[in-house]
Amino acid sequence: MIQLIATKLIERKARMDERGASAVEYGLLVAGIAALIVAVVFFFGGFVGDIFGDTCATINADGTATEGTDASCDQTP
């Protein structure tokens, strides 16, 4: 009888350990995805900003910008 209880306690502890490992794995997965997003924004951010700047400059050069609006291509926040 005592052997059965000891076995059940060991099984229960093993399941609890697995839950903790799953949480750590999910945490590492989320951290990896976040790092990937930061890297993509860092590497492609300037490229996308240049595209928008070129588009703004083209619109202003063609004279198709709406009158009375701020038509500057200043990219500072």
Foldseek 3Di string as FASTA:
>chain_A
DVVVVVVVVVVVVVVVVVVVVVVVVVVVVVVVVVVVVVVCCVVCVVVVLVVQLVVLVVCVVVVVDDPPDPSDSDPDD
